C-alpha cells in the first residue's frame, strides 16, 4: 500500500478507487477537489492518488487489488479473459480472488487441483475441503486455508502455474 494511504479507512480507499476508475470525464483538478473537499484527504494524498489515475484508465483492477492497496496489483485482461499479476500472487490475494469467484457462483465450490476445493459457508466465509476424485459431490471436513502451506505464490506441492490455473480457468462443482 502507498505509505500516504496507510491511515485511510477501507471505505475511503474504496471511494478513491471508484473515483479513479469510473470518473473518466472529470479533469484531474476536479478529482483532486473531490478528494480534498469531500473525503478530507491532504493535498499530498490527493496528488498521489491523481498520479495513479493513468493506470486506472488503462488497466482493469480487481476490487481491492489496485495500487491504492498494494504494490503487487492484480488486473484483469479482457482480451485473454484472465487475471494478470506482475509478481506471484500473495496468500491474501489468492483467497480474495477465490472468494470473488465463489460469490459469482452461489452454491458451488471451486476446484483446486485434483484433490481440493474451496467454498463459501453460510456466513460467506471461505473454506477448503478434500475432494474425492471418484465422487466430487462427497463433502469432507472443512478447513481454513493455512498460510504456512502457501509458499512463493503457490500452494505446497504445486507449481505457481497449477495454483493460478484454478483462477485463470476456474472449474465450479456442486
N, C-alpha and C. Protein backbone atom coordinates (compact mmCIF):
# COMPACT_ATOMS: atom_id res chain seq x y z
N UNK A 1 0.85 -1.17 0.00
CA UNK A 1 0.00 0.00 0.00
C UNK A 1 0.89 1.24 0.00
N UNK A 2 0.45 2.25 -0.73
CA UNK A 2 1.18 3.51 -0.76
C UNK A 2 1.24 4.06 0.66
N UNK A 3 2.42 4.50 1.12
CA UNK A 3 2.56 4.96 2.51
C UNK A 3 1.61 6.10 2.88
N UNK A 4 1.25 6.94 1.92
CA UNK A 4 0.35 8.06 2.23
C UNK A 4 -1.09 7.61 2.51
N UNK A 5 -1.41 6.39 2.12
CA UNK A 5 -2.78 5.90 2.28
C UNK A 5 -2.94 4.94 3.46
N UNK A 6 -1.86 4.67 4.17
CA UNK A 6 -1.88 3.69 5.27
C UNK A 6 -2.90 4.03 6.35
N UNK A 7 -3.12 5.31 6.61
CA UNK A 7 -4.02 5.70 7.70
C UNK A 7 -5.47 5.86 7.25
N UNK A 8 -5.75 5.61 5.98
CA UNK A 8 -7.12 5.78 5.47
C UNK A 8 -7.93 4.51 5.69
N UNK A 9 -9.20 4.68 6.01
CA UNK A 9 -10.11 3.55 6.18
C UNK A 9 -10.45 2.95 4.82
N UNK A 10 -10.81 1.67 4.84
CA UNK A 10 -11.15 0.96 3.60
C UNK A 10 -12.28 1.68 2.86
N UNK A 11 -13.25 2.19 3.57
CA UNK A 11 -14.38 2.88 2.94
C UNK A 11 -13.89 4.08 2.12
N UNK A 12 -12.94 4.84 2.64
CA UNK A 12 -12.38 5.99 1.93
C UNK A 12 -11.57 5.50 0.72
N UNK A 13 -10.77 4.46 0.92
CA UNK A 13 -9.99 3.90 -0.20
C UNK A 13 -10.90 3.41 -1.31
N UNK A 14 -12.02 2.79 -0.94
CA UNK A 14 -12.99 2.32 -1.94
C UNK A 14 -13.55 3.48 -2.75
N UNK A 15 -13.83 4.61 -2.10
CA UNK A 15 -14.36 5.78 -2.80
C UNK A 15 -13.29 6.36 -3.73
N UNK A 16 -12.06 6.43 -3.25
CA UNK A 16 -10.96 6.92 -4.10
C UNK A 16 -10.82 6.02 -5.32
N UNK A 17 -10.81 4.71 -5.08
CA UNK A 17 -10.69 3.74 -6.17
C UNK A 17 -11.83 3.92 -7.17
N UNK A 18 -13.04 4.13 -6.68
CA UNK A 18 -14.19 4.34 -7.55
C UNK A 18 -14.02 5.62 -8.39
N UNK A 19 -13.56 6.69 -7.77
CA UNK A 19 -13.35 7.95 -8.49
C UNK A 19 -12.29 7.78 -9.59
N UNK A 20 -11.21 7.11 -9.27
CA UNK A 20 -10.13 6.92 -10.25
C UNK A 20 -10.55 5.98 -11.37
N UNK A 21 -11.41 5.04 -11.06
CA UNK A 21 -11.83 4.05 -12.05
C UNK A 21 -12.97 4.56 -12.93
N UNK A 22 -13.96 5.17 -12.33
CA UNK A 22 -15.21 5.45 -13.05
C UNK A 22 -15.44 6.90 -13.44
N UNK A 23 -14.72 7.83 -12.88
CA UNK A 23 -14.94 9.24 -13.19
C UNK A 23 -13.99 9.66 -14.31
N UNK A 24 -14.24 9.13 -15.51
CA UNK A 24 -13.34 9.32 -16.64
C UNK A 24 -13.40 10.72 -17.23
N UNK A 25 -14.54 11.37 -17.15
CA UNK A 25 -14.72 12.66 -17.81
C UNK A 25 -14.13 13.83 -17.03
N UNK A 26 -14.07 13.71 -15.73
CA UNK A 26 -13.62 14.84 -14.90
C UNK A 26 -12.12 15.07 -15.06
N UNK A 27 -11.72 16.33 -15.14
CA UNK A 27 -10.27 16.62 -15.18
C UNK A 27 -9.64 16.33 -13.82
N UNK A 28 -8.33 16.21 -13.81
CA UNK A 28 -7.61 15.90 -12.57
C UNK A 28 -7.92 16.89 -11.46
N UNK A 29 -8.03 18.17 -11.80
CA UNK A 29 -8.29 19.20 -10.78
C UNK A 29 -9.63 18.96 -10.08
N UNK A 30 -10.63 18.51 -10.84
CA UNK A 30 -11.94 18.24 -10.24
C UNK A 30 -11.87 17.03 -9.31
N UNK A 31 -11.17 15.99 -9.74
CA UNK A 31 -11.00 14.80 -8.88
C UNK A 31 -10.24 15.20 -7.61
N UNK A 32 -9.19 16.00 -7.77
CA UNK A 32 -8.40 16.46 -6.62
C UNK A 32 -9.31 17.19 -5.63
N UNK A 33 -10.19 18.07 -6.14
CA UNK A 33 -11.11 18.81 -5.26
C UNK A 33 -12.05 17.86 -4.51
N UNK A 34 -12.55 16.85 -5.20
CA UNK A 34 -13.43 15.86 -4.55
C UNK A 34 -12.68 15.16 -3.42
N UNK A 35 -11.46 14.74 -3.72
CA UNK A 35 -10.67 14.01 -2.72
C UNK A 35 -10.35 14.87 -1.50
N UNK A 36 -10.04 16.14 -1.74
CA UNK A 36 -9.68 17.03 -0.63
C UNK A 36 -10.91 17.54 0.10
N UNK A 37 -11.89 18.06 -0.65
CA UNK A 37 -13.06 18.70 -0.03
C UNK A 37 -14.06 17.71 0.57
N UNK A 38 -14.31 16.62 -0.13
CA UNK A 38 -15.35 15.69 0.32
C UNK A 38 -14.81 14.54 1.17
N UNK A 39 -13.57 14.12 0.90
CA UNK A 39 -13.01 12.98 1.63
C UNK A 39 -11.96 13.38 2.66
N UNK A 40 -11.68 14.68 2.74
CA UNK A 40 -10.71 15.21 3.71
C UNK A 40 -9.30 14.65 3.55
N UNK A 41 -8.90 14.35 2.32
CA UNK A 41 -7.53 13.95 2.07
C UNK A 41 -6.63 15.18 2.10
N UNK A 42 -5.37 14.98 2.40
CA UNK A 42 -4.42 16.08 2.30
C UNK A 42 -4.11 16.31 0.82
N UNK A 43 -3.54 17.45 0.51
CA UNK A 43 -3.14 17.74 -0.88
C UNK A 43 -2.15 16.68 -1.35
N UNK A 44 -1.23 16.30 -0.48
CA UNK A 44 -0.23 15.30 -0.83
C UNK A 44 -0.88 13.95 -1.15
N UNK A 45 -1.88 13.54 -0.35
CA UNK A 45 -2.59 12.29 -0.61
C UNK A 45 -3.37 12.37 -1.92
N UNK A 46 -4.05 13.49 -2.13
CA UNK A 46 -4.83 13.66 -3.37
C UNK A 46 -3.91 13.63 -4.59
N UNK A 47 -2.76 14.29 -4.51
CA UNK A 47 -1.81 14.28 -5.63
C UNK A 47 -1.28 12.88 -5.90
N UNK A 48 -1.03 12.11 -4.85
CA UNK A 48 -0.55 10.74 -5.02
C UNK A 48 -1.62 9.88 -5.70
N UNK A 49 -2.88 10.09 -5.32
CA UNK A 49 -3.97 9.35 -5.97
C UNK A 49 -4.10 9.75 -7.43
N UNK A 50 -4.04 11.05 -7.71
CA UNK A 50 -4.15 11.54 -9.09
C UNK A 50 -2.99 10.99 -9.94
N UNK A 51 -1.82 10.85 -9.35
CA UNK A 51 -0.67 10.31 -10.08
C UNK A 51 -0.91 8.87 -10.54
N UNK A 52 -1.79 8.15 -9.84
CA UNK A 52 -2.12 6.77 -10.21
C UNK A 52 -3.20 6.70 -11.28
N UNK A 53 -3.86 7.79 -11.54
CA UNK A 53 -5.02 7.80 -12.44
C UNK A 53 -4.74 7.20 -13.82
N UNK A 54 -3.60 7.46 -14.46
CA UNK A 54 -3.36 6.85 -15.77
C UNK A 54 -3.43 5.32 -15.74
N UNK A 55 -2.98 4.70 -14.66
CA UNK A 55 -3.07 3.24 -14.57
C UNK A 55 -4.52 2.79 -14.52
N UNK A 56 -5.37 3.55 -13.82
CA UNK A 56 -6.78 3.18 -13.71
C UNK A 56 -7.50 3.36 -15.05
N UNK A 57 -6.96 4.18 -15.92
CA UNK A 57 -7.58 4.40 -17.23
C UNK A 57 -7.25 3.28 -18.21
N UNK A 58 -6.13 2.59 -18.01
CA UNK A 58 -5.75 1.57 -19.00
C UNK A 58 -5.68 0.16 -18.43
N UNK A 59 -5.93 -0.02 -17.14
CA UNK A 59 -5.92 -1.35 -16.55
C UNK A 59 -7.22 -1.57 -15.79
N UNK A 60 -7.69 -2.80 -15.78
CA UNK A 60 -8.89 -3.16 -15.04
C UNK A 60 -8.42 -3.91 -13.79
N UNK A 61 -8.55 -3.26 -12.65
CA UNK A 61 -8.08 -3.86 -11.40
C UNK A 61 -9.20 -4.64 -10.74
N UNK A 62 -8.83 -5.74 -10.12
CA UNK A 62 -9.76 -6.47 -9.28
C UNK A 62 -9.98 -5.60 -8.05
N UNK A 63 -11.23 -5.46 -7.61
CA UNK A 63 -11.55 -4.61 -6.47
C UNK A 63 -10.66 -4.96 -5.28
N UNK A 64 -10.08 -3.93 -4.70
CA UNK A 64 -9.20 -4.12 -3.56
C UNK A 64 -7.80 -4.57 -3.92
N UNK A 65 -7.50 -4.73 -5.19
CA UNK A 65 -6.19 -5.19 -5.63
C UNK A 65 -5.46 -4.12 -6.45
N UNK A 66 -5.91 -2.88 -6.35
CA UNK A 66 -5.32 -1.79 -7.13
C UNK A 66 -4.08 -1.24 -6.43
N UNK A 67 -3.35 -0.32 -7.08
CA UNK A 67 -2.17 0.26 -6.46
C UNK A 67 -2.47 1.08 -5.21
N UNK A 68 -3.73 1.41 -4.98
CA UNK A 68 -4.08 2.08 -3.72
C UNK A 68 -3.83 1.16 -2.53
N UNK A 69 -4.03 -0.12 -2.75
CA UNK A 69 -3.94 -1.10 -1.66
C UNK A 69 -2.59 -1.80 -1.58
N UNK A 70 -1.92 -1.99 -2.71
CA UNK A 70 -0.69 -2.77 -2.70
C UNK A 70 0.16 -2.50 -3.93
N UNK A 71 1.43 -2.85 -3.83
CA UNK A 71 2.33 -2.64 -4.97
C UNK A 71 2.18 -3.77 -5.99
N UNK A 72 1.92 -4.98 -5.55
CA UNK A 72 1.70 -6.10 -6.46
C UNK A 72 0.22 -6.15 -6.81
N UNK A 73 -0.15 -5.47 -7.88
CA UNK A 73 -1.56 -5.35 -8.24
C UNK A 73 -2.04 -6.56 -9.03
N UNK A 74 -3.34 -6.77 -9.02
CA UNK A 74 -3.96 -7.82 -9.80
C UNK A 74 -4.94 -7.14 -10.75
N UNK A 75 -4.74 -7.36 -12.04
CA UNK A 75 -5.61 -6.77 -13.05
C UNK A 75 -6.30 -7.88 -13.84
N UNK A 76 -7.27 -7.47 -14.64
CA UNK A 76 -7.99 -8.40 -15.50
C UNK A 76 -7.73 -8.01 -16.94
N UNK A 77 -7.29 -8.97 -17.75
CA UNK A 77 -7.09 -8.74 -19.17
C UNK A 77 -8.33 -9.23 -19.90
N UNK A 78 -9.18 -8.31 -20.40
CA UNK A 78 -10.42 -8.74 -21.03
C UNK A 78 -10.21 -9.48 -22.35
N UNK A 79 -9.08 -9.24 -23.01
CA UNK A 79 -8.83 -9.94 -24.28
C UNK A 79 -8.48 -11.40 -24.05
N UNK A 80 -7.63 -11.65 -23.06
CA UNK A 80 -7.25 -13.03 -22.75
C UNK A 80 -8.20 -13.67 -21.73
N UNK A 81 -9.07 -12.83 -21.13
CA UNK A 81 -10.04 -13.28 -20.13
C UNK A 81 -9.35 -13.99 -18.97
N UNK A 82 -8.31 -13.33 -18.43
CA UNK A 82 -7.64 -13.91 -17.27
C UNK A 82 -7.03 -12.81 -16.42
N UNK A 83 -6.70 -13.17 -15.19
CA UNK A 83 -6.08 -12.24 -14.25
C UNK A 83 -4.59 -12.11 -14.57
N UNK A 84 -4.06 -10.93 -14.32
CA UNK A 84 -2.66 -10.66 -14.59
C UNK A 84 -2.03 -10.05 -13.34
N UNK A 85 -0.91 -10.58 -12.93
CA UNK A 85 -0.15 -10.00 -11.82
C UNK A 85 1.32 -10.02 -12.22
N UNK A 86 2.00 -8.91 -11.98
CA UNK A 86 3.41 -8.81 -12.35
C UNK A 86 4.29 -9.71 -11.49
N UNK A 87 3.87 -9.94 -10.27
CA UNK A 87 4.62 -10.77 -9.32
C UNK A 87 3.74 -11.95 -8.92
N UNK A 88 4.32 -12.95 -8.26
CA UNK A 88 3.47 -14.03 -7.76
C UNK A 88 2.41 -13.48 -6.81
N UNK A 89 1.22 -14.06 -6.87
CA UNK A 89 0.13 -13.62 -6.00
C UNK A 89 0.44 -13.98 -4.55
N UNK A 90 0.00 -13.13 -3.65
CA UNK A 90 0.19 -13.40 -2.22
C UNK A 90 -0.93 -14.31 -1.72
N UNK A 91 -0.74 -14.83 -0.54
CA UNK A 91 -1.75 -15.66 0.12
C UNK A 91 -3.09 -14.92 0.19
N UNK A 92 -3.06 -13.67 0.65
CA UNK A 92 -4.29 -12.89 0.78
C UNK A 92 -4.94 -12.60 -0.57
N UNK A 93 -4.13 -12.36 -1.59
CA UNK A 93 -4.68 -12.12 -2.93
C UNK A 93 -5.38 -13.37 -3.46
N UNK A 94 -4.75 -14.51 -3.29
CA UNK A 94 -5.36 -15.77 -3.75
C UNK A 94 -6.71 -15.99 -3.08
N UNK A 95 -6.76 -15.81 -1.76
CA UNK A 95 -8.02 -16.03 -1.04
C UNK A 95 -9.08 -15.02 -1.45
N UNK A 96 -8.68 -13.78 -1.68
CA UNK A 96 -9.62 -12.75 -2.13
C UNK A 96 -10.20 -13.10 -3.50
N UNK A 97 -9.37 -13.62 -4.38
CA UNK A 97 -9.84 -14.00 -5.72
C UNK A 97 -10.74 -15.23 -5.63
N UNK A 98 -10.37 -16.22 -4.81
CA UNK A 98 -11.24 -17.38 -4.61
C UNK A 98 -12.62 -16.92 -4.14
N UNK A 99 -12.64 -16.02 -3.17
CA UNK A 99 -13.90 -15.52 -2.62
C UNK A 99 -14.71 -14.81 -3.70
N UNK A 100 -14.06 -13.96 -4.48
CA UNK A 100 -14.74 -13.24 -5.55
C UNK A 100 -15.35 -14.22 -6.56
N UNK A 101 -14.59 -15.22 -6.95
CA UNK A 101 -15.09 -16.21 -7.91
C UNK A 101 -16.29 -16.97 -7.34
N UNK A 102 -16.19 -17.37 -6.07
CA UNK A 102 -17.27 -18.14 -5.45
C UNK A 102 -18.53 -17.30 -5.23
N UNK A 103 -18.38 -16.02 -4.94
CA UNK A 103 -19.55 -15.16 -4.78
C UNK A 103 -20.31 -15.01 -6.09
N UNK A 104 -19.60 -15.17 -7.21
CA UNK A 104 -20.26 -15.08 -8.51
C UNK A 104 -21.01 -16.37 -8.86
N UNK A 105 -20.80 -17.43 -8.11
CA UNK A 105 -21.45 -18.72 -8.33
C UNK A 105 -21.96 -19.30 -7.02
N UNK A 106 -23.02 -18.71 -6.44
CA UNK A 106 -23.53 -19.21 -5.16
C UNK A 106 -23.89 -20.70 -5.23
N UNK A 107 -23.55 -21.42 -4.17
CA UNK A 107 -23.87 -22.84 -4.09
C UNK A 107 -22.85 -23.75 -4.73
N UNK A 108 -21.84 -23.20 -5.35
CA UNK A 108 -20.81 -24.01 -5.99
C UNK A 108 -19.52 -23.95 -5.18
N UNK A 109 -18.66 -24.92 -5.45
CA UNK A 109 -17.30 -24.92 -4.92
C UNK A 109 -16.35 -24.73 -6.09
N UNK A 110 -15.17 -24.23 -5.80
CA UNK A 110 -14.13 -24.00 -6.80
C UNK A 110 -13.11 -25.12 -6.69
N UNK A 111 -12.93 -25.85 -7.77
CA UNK A 111 -11.98 -26.96 -7.76
C UNK A 111 -10.56 -26.41 -7.73
N UNK A 112 -9.75 -26.93 -6.80
CA UNK A 112 -8.36 -26.52 -6.65
C UNK A 112 -7.48 -27.74 -6.85
N UNK A 113 -7.04 -27.96 -8.04
CA UNK A 113 -6.25 -29.15 -8.32
C UNK A 113 -7.13 -30.39 -8.29
N UNK A 114 -6.49 -31.55 -8.17
CA UNK A 114 -7.23 -32.81 -8.24
C UNK A 114 -7.89 -33.20 -6.93
N UNK A 115 -7.41 -32.70 -5.80
CA UNK A 115 -7.86 -33.23 -4.51
C UNK A 115 -8.44 -32.22 -3.54
N UNK A 116 -8.61 -30.95 -3.96
CA UNK A 116 -9.10 -29.92 -3.05
C UNK A 116 -10.15 -29.06 -3.74
N UNK A 117 -10.99 -28.44 -2.92
CA UNK A 117 -11.97 -27.47 -3.42
C UNK A 117 -12.11 -26.37 -2.38
N UNK A 118 -12.49 -25.19 -2.86
CA UNK A 118 -12.78 -24.05 -1.98
C UNK A 118 -14.27 -23.79 -2.05
N UNK A 119 -14.83 -23.31 -0.97
CA UNK A 119 -16.25 -22.97 -0.94
C UNK A 119 -16.50 -21.84 0.04
N UNK A 120 -17.73 -21.36 0.04
CA UNK A 120 -18.15 -20.34 1.00
C UNK A 120 -19.20 -20.96 1.90
N UNK A 121 -19.05 -20.80 3.21
CA UNK A 121 -20.05 -21.32 4.13
C UNK A 121 -21.25 -20.38 4.17
N UNK A 122 -22.22 -20.68 5.01
CA UNK A 122 -23.46 -19.89 5.05
C UNK A 122 -23.23 -18.45 5.51
N UNK A 123 -22.10 -18.19 6.19
CA UNK A 123 -21.77 -16.82 6.60
C UNK A 123 -20.92 -16.11 5.56
N UNK A 124 -20.64 -16.76 4.42
CA UNK A 124 -19.82 -16.17 3.38
C UNK A 124 -18.33 -16.26 3.63
N UNK A 125 -17.93 -17.13 4.57
CA UNK A 125 -16.51 -17.30 4.88
C UNK A 125 -15.92 -18.41 4.02
N UNK A 126 -14.71 -18.21 3.58
CA UNK A 126 -14.03 -19.14 2.70
C UNK A 126 -13.53 -20.36 3.48
N UNK A 127 -13.66 -21.54 2.88
CA UNK A 127 -13.12 -22.76 3.48
C UNK A 127 -12.52 -23.61 2.38
N UNK A 128 -11.72 -24.60 2.77
CA UNK A 128 -11.23 -25.59 1.82
C UNK A 128 -11.60 -26.97 2.33
N UNK A 129 -11.71 -27.91 1.41
CA UNK A 129 -12.09 -29.27 1.76
C UNK A 129 -11.44 -30.23 0.77
N UNK A 130 -11.24 -31.46 1.22
CA UNK A 130 -10.73 -32.50 0.32
C UNK A 130 -11.79 -32.82 -0.73
N UNK A 131 -11.33 -33.27 -1.87
CA UNK A 131 -12.22 -33.75 -2.93
C UNK A 131 -11.97 -35.23 -3.14
N UNK A 132 -13.02 -35.98 -3.29
CA UNK A 132 -12.90 -37.38 -3.66
C UNK A 132 -12.85 -37.40 -5.19
N UNK A 133 -11.74 -37.84 -5.80
CA UNK A 133 -11.65 -37.81 -7.26
C UNK A 133 -12.70 -38.69 -7.94
N UNK A 134 -13.23 -39.68 -7.22
CA UNK A 134 -14.24 -40.56 -7.81
C UNK A 134 -15.65 -39.98 -7.69
N UNK A 135 -15.91 -39.21 -6.66
CA UNK A 135 -17.23 -38.63 -6.45
C UNK A 135 -17.08 -37.22 -5.89
N UNK A 136 -17.14 -36.24 -6.75
CA UNK A 136 -16.90 -34.85 -6.36
C UNK A 136 -18.03 -34.28 -5.50
N UNK A 137 -19.14 -34.98 -5.36
CA UNK A 137 -20.25 -34.49 -4.54
C UNK A 137 -20.08 -34.82 -3.06
N UNK A 138 -19.16 -35.71 -2.74
CA UNK A 138 -18.91 -36.05 -1.34
C UNK A 138 -18.18 -34.88 -0.69
N UNK A 139 -18.66 -34.48 0.49
CA UNK A 139 -18.06 -33.37 1.21
C UNK A 139 -17.34 -33.91 2.44
N UNK A 140 -16.07 -33.60 2.55
CA UNK A 140 -15.28 -34.00 3.71
C UNK A 140 -15.27 -32.87 4.72
N UNK A 141 -14.49 -33.03 5.75
CA UNK A 141 -14.32 -31.98 6.76
C UNK A 141 -13.79 -30.71 6.10
N UNK A 142 -14.23 -29.56 6.61
CA UNK A 142 -13.77 -28.29 6.04
C UNK A 142 -12.68 -27.68 6.92
N UNK A 143 -11.81 -26.93 6.28
CA UNK A 143 -10.65 -26.33 6.95
C UNK A 143 -10.53 -24.87 6.54
N UNK A 144 -9.81 -24.11 7.36
CA UNK A 144 -9.37 -22.79 6.95
C UNK A 144 -8.14 -22.99 6.07
N UNK A 145 -7.89 -22.05 5.19
CA UNK A 145 -6.67 -22.11 4.40
C UNK A 145 -5.48 -21.82 5.30
N UNK A 146 -4.42 -22.58 5.15
CA UNK A 146 -3.24 -22.47 6.00
C UNK A 146 -2.18 -21.59 5.33
N UNK A 147 -1.90 -20.46 5.94
CA UNK A 147 -0.89 -19.53 5.40
C UNK A 147 0.47 -20.22 5.24
N UNK A 148 0.79 -21.15 6.14
CA UNK A 148 2.08 -21.85 6.07
C UNK A 148 2.17 -22.81 4.89
N UNK A 149 1.03 -23.16 4.30
CA UNK A 149 1.02 -24.06 3.15
C UNK A 149 1.15 -23.30 1.84
N UNK A 150 1.30 -21.99 1.92
CA UNK A 150 1.42 -21.14 0.73
C UNK A 150 2.83 -20.57 0.68
N UNK A 151 3.56 -20.90 -0.38
CA UNK A 151 4.96 -20.52 -0.49
C UNK A 151 5.24 -19.95 -1.88
N UNK A 152 5.79 -18.75 -1.93
CA UNK A 152 6.23 -18.16 -3.20
C UNK A 152 5.16 -18.17 -4.29
N UNK A 153 3.95 -17.76 -3.95
CA UNK A 153 2.89 -17.64 -4.94
C UNK A 153 2.22 -18.94 -5.34
N UNK A 154 2.39 -19.97 -4.55
CA UNK A 154 1.79 -21.27 -4.89
C UNK A 154 1.52 -22.06 -3.62
N UNK A 155 0.63 -23.04 -3.75
CA UNK A 155 0.38 -23.96 -2.64
C UNK A 155 1.47 -25.01 -2.64
N UNK A 156 1.77 -25.53 -1.45
CA UNK A 156 2.77 -26.60 -1.36
C UNK A 156 2.38 -27.72 -2.31
N UNK A 157 3.38 -28.34 -2.88
CA UNK A 157 3.23 -29.48 -3.78
C UNK A 157 2.60 -29.10 -5.12
N UNK A 158 2.50 -27.80 -5.40
CA UNK A 158 2.02 -27.34 -6.70
C UNK A 158 3.04 -26.37 -7.27
N UNK A 159 2.98 -26.20 -8.58
CA UNK A 159 3.75 -25.13 -9.21
C UNK A 159 2.89 -23.88 -9.17
N UNK A 160 3.51 -22.73 -9.40
CA UNK A 160 2.73 -21.49 -9.46
C UNK A 160 1.69 -21.58 -10.58
N UNK A 161 2.06 -22.22 -11.67
CA UNK A 161 1.12 -22.38 -12.80
C UNK A 161 -0.10 -23.20 -12.38
N UNK A 162 0.10 -24.24 -11.61
CA UNK A 162 -1.02 -25.06 -11.14
C UNK A 162 -1.93 -24.27 -10.21
N UNK A 163 -1.33 -23.50 -9.30
CA UNK A 163 -2.12 -22.70 -8.37
C UNK A 163 -2.94 -21.66 -9.12
N UNK A 164 -2.33 -21.01 -10.10
CA UNK A 164 -3.03 -19.98 -10.86
C UNK A 164 -4.08 -20.56 -11.80
N UNK A 165 -3.95 -21.82 -12.19
CA UNK A 165 -4.91 -22.44 -13.11
C UNK A 165 -6.32 -22.44 -12.53
N UNK A 166 -6.43 -22.60 -11.22
CA UNK A 166 -7.76 -22.59 -10.58
C UNK A 166 -8.43 -21.24 -10.69
N UNK A 167 -7.63 -20.19 -10.87
CA UNK A 167 -8.15 -18.84 -11.00
C UNK A 167 -8.38 -18.49 -12.47
N UNK A 168 -7.40 -18.81 -13.29
CA UNK A 168 -7.46 -18.41 -14.70
C UNK A 168 -8.45 -19.24 -15.50
N UNK A 169 -8.64 -20.49 -15.10
CA UNK A 169 -9.61 -21.37 -15.76
C UNK A 169 -10.43 -22.07 -14.69
N UNK A 170 -11.28 -21.31 -13.99
CA UNK A 170 -11.98 -21.91 -12.85
C UNK A 170 -12.94 -23.02 -13.25
N UNK A 171 -12.95 -24.06 -12.43
CA UNK A 171 -13.89 -25.17 -12.59
C UNK A 171 -14.76 -25.17 -11.35
N UNK A 172 -16.06 -24.98 -11.55
CA UNK A 172 -17.01 -24.94 -10.43
C UNK A 172 -17.73 -26.27 -10.34
N UNK A 173 -17.84 -26.77 -9.13
CA UNK A 173 -18.53 -28.04 -8.89
C UNK A 173 -19.54 -27.83 -7.77
N UNK A 174 -20.54 -28.68 -7.70
CA UNK A 174 -21.54 -28.60 -6.62
C UNK A 174 -21.00 -29.14 -5.34
